[in-house]
Amino acid sequence: MRVARRYVISGRVQGVGFRFFTEAAASREGVHGWVRNLTDGPVEAVEAVEVVAEGDAEAMERFERSIRQGPRGARVDHVEVDVTVPDGRAVGFTIK
């Protein structure tokens, strides 16, 4: 079964390769969608990354486990997950 999710990941997730890590995890699992930074502010600002992804339910579970941990140097404080409807139009995975 194909599922889709929107994630907002906050913590130390910018400047640590989080988007590239997410792209690699998506490629490994065959997940389609995109990732982007949500804020680029001063150090005091909350850093967040948004991920919109869809794929096979089991692949999405593995993908979510990966992004909940993040790359070395990242610190994931909070993950907000919204269930969305897969549209099947996403092909590949991009960094925005």
N, C-alpha and C. Protein backbone atom coordinates (compact mmCIF):
# COMPACT_ATOMS: atom_id res chain seq x y z
N MET A 1 0.85 -1.17 0.00
CA MET A 1 0.00 0.00 0.00
C MET A 1 0.90 1.24 0.00
N ARG A 2 0.54 2.22 -0.80
CA ARG A 2 1.29 3.47 -0.89
C ARG A 2 0.75 4.46 0.14
N VAL A 3 1.66 5.12 0.88
CA VAL A 3 1.28 6.11 1.88
C VAL A 3 2.06 7.39 1.65
N ALA A 4 1.54 8.48 2.20
CA ALA A 4 2.21 9.78 2.08
C ALA A 4 2.21 10.47 3.43
N ARG A 5 3.28 11.21 3.69
CA ARG A 5 3.43 11.92 4.95
C ARG A 5 4.10 13.27 4.72
N ARG A 6 3.76 14.22 5.59
CA ARG A 6 4.47 15.50 5.66
C ARG A 6 5.10 15.56 7.03
N TYR A 7 6.41 15.79 7.07
CA TYR A 7 7.14 15.86 8.33
C TYR A 7 7.69 17.27 8.50
N VAL A 8 7.64 17.78 9.72
CA VAL A 8 8.36 18.99 10.08
C VAL A 8 9.28 18.58 11.22
N ILE A 9 10.57 18.63 10.96
CA ILE A 9 11.59 18.18 11.91
C ILE A 9 12.30 19.40 12.45
N SER A 10 12.32 19.53 13.77
CA SER A 10 12.99 20.69 14.36
C SER A 10 14.10 20.23 15.30
N GLY A 11 15.02 21.13 15.53
CA GLY A 11 16.20 20.86 16.35
C GLY A 11 17.41 21.44 15.64
N ARG A 12 18.55 20.79 15.78
CA ARG A 12 19.75 21.21 15.05
C ARG A 12 19.75 20.44 13.74
N VAL A 13 19.03 20.98 12.75
CA VAL A 13 18.81 20.26 11.50
C VAL A 13 19.24 21.06 10.27
N GLN A 14 19.86 22.20 10.48
CA GLN A 14 20.38 22.97 9.35
C GLN A 14 21.88 23.14 9.53
N GLY A 15 22.59 23.09 8.41
CA GLY A 15 24.04 23.23 8.45
C GLY A 15 24.75 21.96 8.89
N VAL A 16 24.02 20.84 8.92
CA VAL A 16 24.60 19.56 9.34
C VAL A 16 24.40 18.47 8.30
N GLY A 17 23.95 18.85 7.10
CA GLY A 17 23.74 17.88 6.02
C GLY A 17 22.43 17.12 6.11
N PHE A 18 21.46 17.66 6.83
CA PHE A 18 20.20 16.94 7.04
C PHE A 18 19.45 16.72 5.72
N ARG A 19 19.40 17.73 4.87
CA ARG A 19 18.68 17.57 3.60
C ARG A 19 19.33 16.51 2.72
N PHE A 20 20.66 16.49 2.67
CA PHE A 20 21.36 15.49 1.86
C PHE A 20 21.19 14.10 2.45
N PHE A 21 21.20 14.00 3.77
CA PHE A 21 20.95 12.74 4.47
C PHE A 21 19.55 12.23 4.12
N THR A 22 18.57 13.13 4.13
CA THR A 22 17.19 12.76 3.84
C THR A 22 17.05 12.29 2.40
N GLU A 23 17.70 12.99 1.48
CA GLU A 23 17.67 12.59 0.07
C GLU A 23 18.26 11.19 -0.10
N ALA A 24 19.37 10.91 0.56
CA ALA A 24 20.01 9.59 0.47
C ALA A 24 19.11 8.50 1.06
N ALA A 25 18.46 8.79 2.21
CA ALA A 25 17.56 7.82 2.83
C ALA A 25 16.38 7.53 1.92
N ALA A 26 15.84 8.57 1.28
CA ALA A 26 14.71 8.39 0.36
C ALA A 26 15.13 7.55 -0.84
N SER A 27 16.29 7.82 -1.38
CA SER A 27 16.79 7.07 -2.52
C SER A 27 16.97 5.60 -2.15
N ARG A 28 17.54 5.35 -1.00
CA ARG A 28 17.78 3.98 -0.51
C ARG A 28 16.47 3.21 -0.37
N GLU A 29 15.41 3.89 0.07
CA GLU A 29 14.13 3.23 0.33
C GLU A 29 13.14 3.31 -0.84
N GLY A 30 13.49 4.02 -1.90
CA GLY A 30 12.58 4.16 -3.03
C GLY A 30 11.41 5.09 -2.73
N VAL A 31 11.65 6.06 -1.85
CA VAL A 31 10.63 7.03 -1.46
C VAL A 31 10.74 8.25 -2.37
N HIS A 32 9.61 8.82 -2.73
CA HIS A 32 9.56 9.98 -3.62
C HIS A 32 9.09 11.21 -2.85
N GLY A 33 9.55 12.41 -3.28
CA GLY A 33 9.09 13.65 -2.65
C GLY A 33 10.17 14.70 -2.63
N TRP A 34 10.21 15.49 -1.54
CA TRP A 34 11.18 16.58 -1.45
C TRP A 34 11.45 16.96 0.01
N VAL A 35 12.53 17.74 0.20
CA VAL A 35 12.92 18.24 1.51
C VAL A 35 13.38 19.68 1.33
N ARG A 36 13.10 20.53 2.34
CA ARG A 36 13.57 21.92 2.29
C ARG A 36 13.72 22.46 3.71
N ASN A 37 14.59 23.47 3.85
CA ASN A 37 14.71 24.21 5.11
C ASN A 37 13.50 25.11 5.24
N LEU A 38 12.99 25.25 6.46
CA LEU A 38 11.86 26.15 6.70
C LEU A 38 12.29 27.51 7.23
N THR A 39 13.37 27.55 7.99
CA THR A 39 13.82 28.82 8.53
C THR A 39 15.31 28.98 8.31
N ASP A 40 15.72 30.16 8.01
CA ASP A 40 17.14 30.50 7.89
C ASP A 40 17.34 31.79 8.66
N GLY A 41 17.25 31.72 9.96
CA GLY A 41 17.33 32.92 10.77
C GLY A 41 18.55 32.91 11.65
N PRO A 42 18.55 33.79 12.62
CA PRO A 42 19.67 33.84 13.57
C PRO A 42 19.72 32.57 14.40
N VAL A 43 20.80 32.36 15.10
CA VAL A 43 21.01 31.16 15.90
C VAL A 43 19.86 30.94 16.88
N GLU A 44 19.26 32.02 17.38
CA GLU A 44 18.17 31.88 18.35
C GLU A 44 16.89 31.36 17.71
N ALA A 45 16.78 31.45 16.40
CA ALA A 45 15.56 31.02 15.72
C ALA A 45 15.47 29.49 15.75
N VAL A 46 14.25 28.99 15.73
CA VAL A 46 14.04 27.55 15.67
C VAL A 46 14.36 27.07 14.26
N GLU A 47 15.24 26.10 14.18
CA GLU A 47 15.57 25.53 12.88
C GLU A 47 14.59 24.40 12.60
N ALA A 48 14.12 24.32 11.37
CA ALA A 48 13.21 23.24 10.99
C ALA A 48 13.43 22.87 9.54
N VAL A 49 13.12 21.62 9.25
CA VAL A 49 13.18 21.08 7.90
C VAL A 49 11.82 20.47 7.61
N GLU A 50 11.31 20.70 6.41
CA GLU A 50 10.04 20.11 5.99
C GLU A 50 10.33 19.02 4.97
N VAL A 51 9.66 17.89 5.13
CA VAL A 51 9.80 16.76 4.21
C VAL A 51 8.40 16.34 3.78
N VAL A 52 8.20 16.20 2.48
CA VAL A 52 6.96 15.64 1.95
C VAL A 52 7.38 14.40 1.17
N ALA A 53 6.83 13.24 1.56
CA ALA A 53 7.29 11.99 0.97
C ALA A 53 6.16 11.00 0.81
N GLU A 54 6.32 10.13 -0.18
CA GLU A 54 5.37 9.04 -0.35
C GLU A 54 6.08 7.82 -0.89
N GLY A 55 5.52 6.67 -0.55
CA GLY A 55 6.11 5.42 -1.00
C GLY A 55 5.39 4.25 -0.35
N ASP A 56 5.94 3.06 -0.56
CA ASP A 56 5.42 1.85 0.05
C ASP A 56 5.42 2.00 1.57
N ALA A 57 4.40 1.48 2.24
CA ALA A 57 4.24 1.65 3.68
C ALA A 57 5.47 1.19 4.46
N GLU A 58 6.02 0.04 4.14
CA GLU A 58 7.20 -0.46 4.86
C GLU A 58 8.42 0.40 4.61
N ALA A 59 8.59 0.85 3.37
CA ALA A 59 9.71 1.74 3.04
C ALA A 59 9.58 3.06 3.77
N MET A 60 8.35 3.56 3.89
CA MET A 60 8.12 4.82 4.59
C MET A 60 8.42 4.67 6.09
N GLU A 61 8.15 3.52 6.66
CA GLU A 61 8.49 3.29 8.08
C GLU A 61 10.01 3.36 8.27
N ARG A 62 10.76 2.72 7.39
CA ARG A 62 12.23 2.75 7.49
C ARG A 62 12.74 4.17 7.26
N PHE A 63 12.16 4.86 6.28
CA PHE A 63 12.55 6.24 5.97
C PHE A 63 12.32 7.13 7.20
N GLU A 64 11.15 7.00 7.82
CA GLU A 64 10.83 7.83 9.00
C GLU A 64 11.80 7.55 10.15
N ARG A 65 12.14 6.29 10.37
CA ARG A 65 13.12 5.97 11.42
C ARG A 65 14.45 6.68 11.15
N SER A 66 14.86 6.71 9.89
CA SER A 66 16.12 7.38 9.53
C SER A 66 16.06 8.87 9.80
N ILE A 67 15.00 9.54 9.37
CA ILE A 67 14.95 10.99 9.54
C ILE A 67 14.69 11.38 10.98
N ARG A 68 14.13 10.50 11.79
CA ARG A 68 13.97 10.79 13.21
C ARG A 68 15.32 10.79 13.92
N GLN A 69 16.28 10.07 13.37
CA GLN A 69 17.62 10.06 13.95
C GLN A 69 18.49 11.15 13.32
N GLY A 70 18.44 11.28 12.00
CA GLY A 70 19.22 12.30 11.31
C GLY A 70 20.68 11.91 11.18
N PRO A 71 21.45 12.75 10.51
CA PRO A 71 22.87 12.48 10.31
C PRO A 71 23.69 12.79 11.56
N ARG A 72 24.92 12.33 11.55
CA ARG A 72 25.84 12.67 12.63
C ARG A 72 25.96 14.19 12.68
N GLY A 73 25.90 14.75 13.84
CA GLY A 73 25.99 16.20 14.00
C GLY A 73 24.64 16.87 14.12
N ALA A 74 23.58 16.16 13.74
CA ALA A 74 22.22 16.71 13.88
C ALA A 74 21.68 16.36 15.26
N ARG A 75 20.67 17.13 15.67
CA ARG A 75 19.94 16.83 16.90
C ARG A 75 18.46 17.04 16.58
N VAL A 76 17.71 15.97 16.54
CA VAL A 76 16.28 16.04 16.27
C VAL A 76 15.55 16.18 17.60
N ASP A 77 14.91 17.33 17.79
CA ASP A 77 14.17 17.59 19.03
C ASP A 77 12.70 17.20 18.92
N HIS A 78 12.13 17.41 17.73
CA HIS A 78 10.69 17.18 17.57
C HIS A 78 10.39 16.83 16.12
N VAL A 79 9.48 15.88 15.92
CA VAL A 79 9.03 15.52 14.58
C VAL A 79 7.51 15.59 14.57
N GLU A 80 6.98 16.48 13.75
CA GLU A 80 5.53 16.58 13.56
C GLU A 80 5.20 15.80 12.29
N VAL A 81 4.23 14.91 12.36
CA VAL A 81 3.87 14.07 11.22
C VAL A 81 2.41 14.30 10.87
N ASP A 82 2.17 14.63 9.60
CA ASP A 82 0.81 14.75 9.08
C ASP A 82 0.61 13.68 8.02
N VAL A 83 -0.46 12.93 8.14
CA VAL A 83 -0.80 11.93 7.12
C VAL A 83 -1.47 12.66 5.97
N THR A 84 -0.99 12.41 4.77
CA THR A 84 -1.58 13.03 3.58
C THR A 84 -2.00 11.94 2.61
N VAL A 85 -2.63 12.34 1.53
CA VAL A 85 -3.09 11.39 0.52
C VAL A 85 -2.03 11.29 -0.57
N PRO A 86 -1.56 10.08 -0.87
CA PRO A 86 -0.57 9.96 -1.93
C PRO A 86 -1.19 10.35 -3.27
N ASP A 87 -0.45 11.15 -4.03
CA ASP A 87 -0.99 11.54 -5.34
C ASP A 87 -0.33 10.79 -6.48
N GLY A 88 0.77 10.09 -6.19
CA GLY A 88 1.43 9.29 -7.22
C GLY A 88 2.15 10.07 -8.28
N ARG A 89 2.18 11.40 -8.16
CA ARG A 89 2.84 12.22 -9.18
C ARG A 89 4.31 12.45 -8.90
N ALA A 90 4.72 12.32 -7.64
CA ALA A 90 6.12 12.56 -7.30
C ALA A 90 7.00 11.45 -7.89
N VAL A 91 8.06 11.87 -8.54
CA VAL A 91 9.02 10.95 -9.11
C VAL A 91 10.40 11.38 -8.64
N GLY A 92 11.10 10.50 -7.96
CA GLY A 92 12.40 10.85 -7.43
C GLY A 92 12.26 11.65 -6.14
N PHE A 93 13.38 12.16 -5.67
CA PHE A 93 13.39 12.92 -4.43
C PHE A 93 14.31 14.12 -4.63
N THR A 94 13.83 15.32 -4.30
CA THR A 94 14.62 16.53 -4.55
C THR A 94 14.83 17.34 -3.28
N ILE A 95 15.90 18.13 -3.33
CA ILE A 95 16.19 19.09 -2.28
C ILE A 95 15.76 20.43 -2.82
N LYS A 96 14.90 21.11 -2.09
CA LYS A 96 14.44 22.44 -2.52
C LYS A 96 15.21 23.52 -1.80
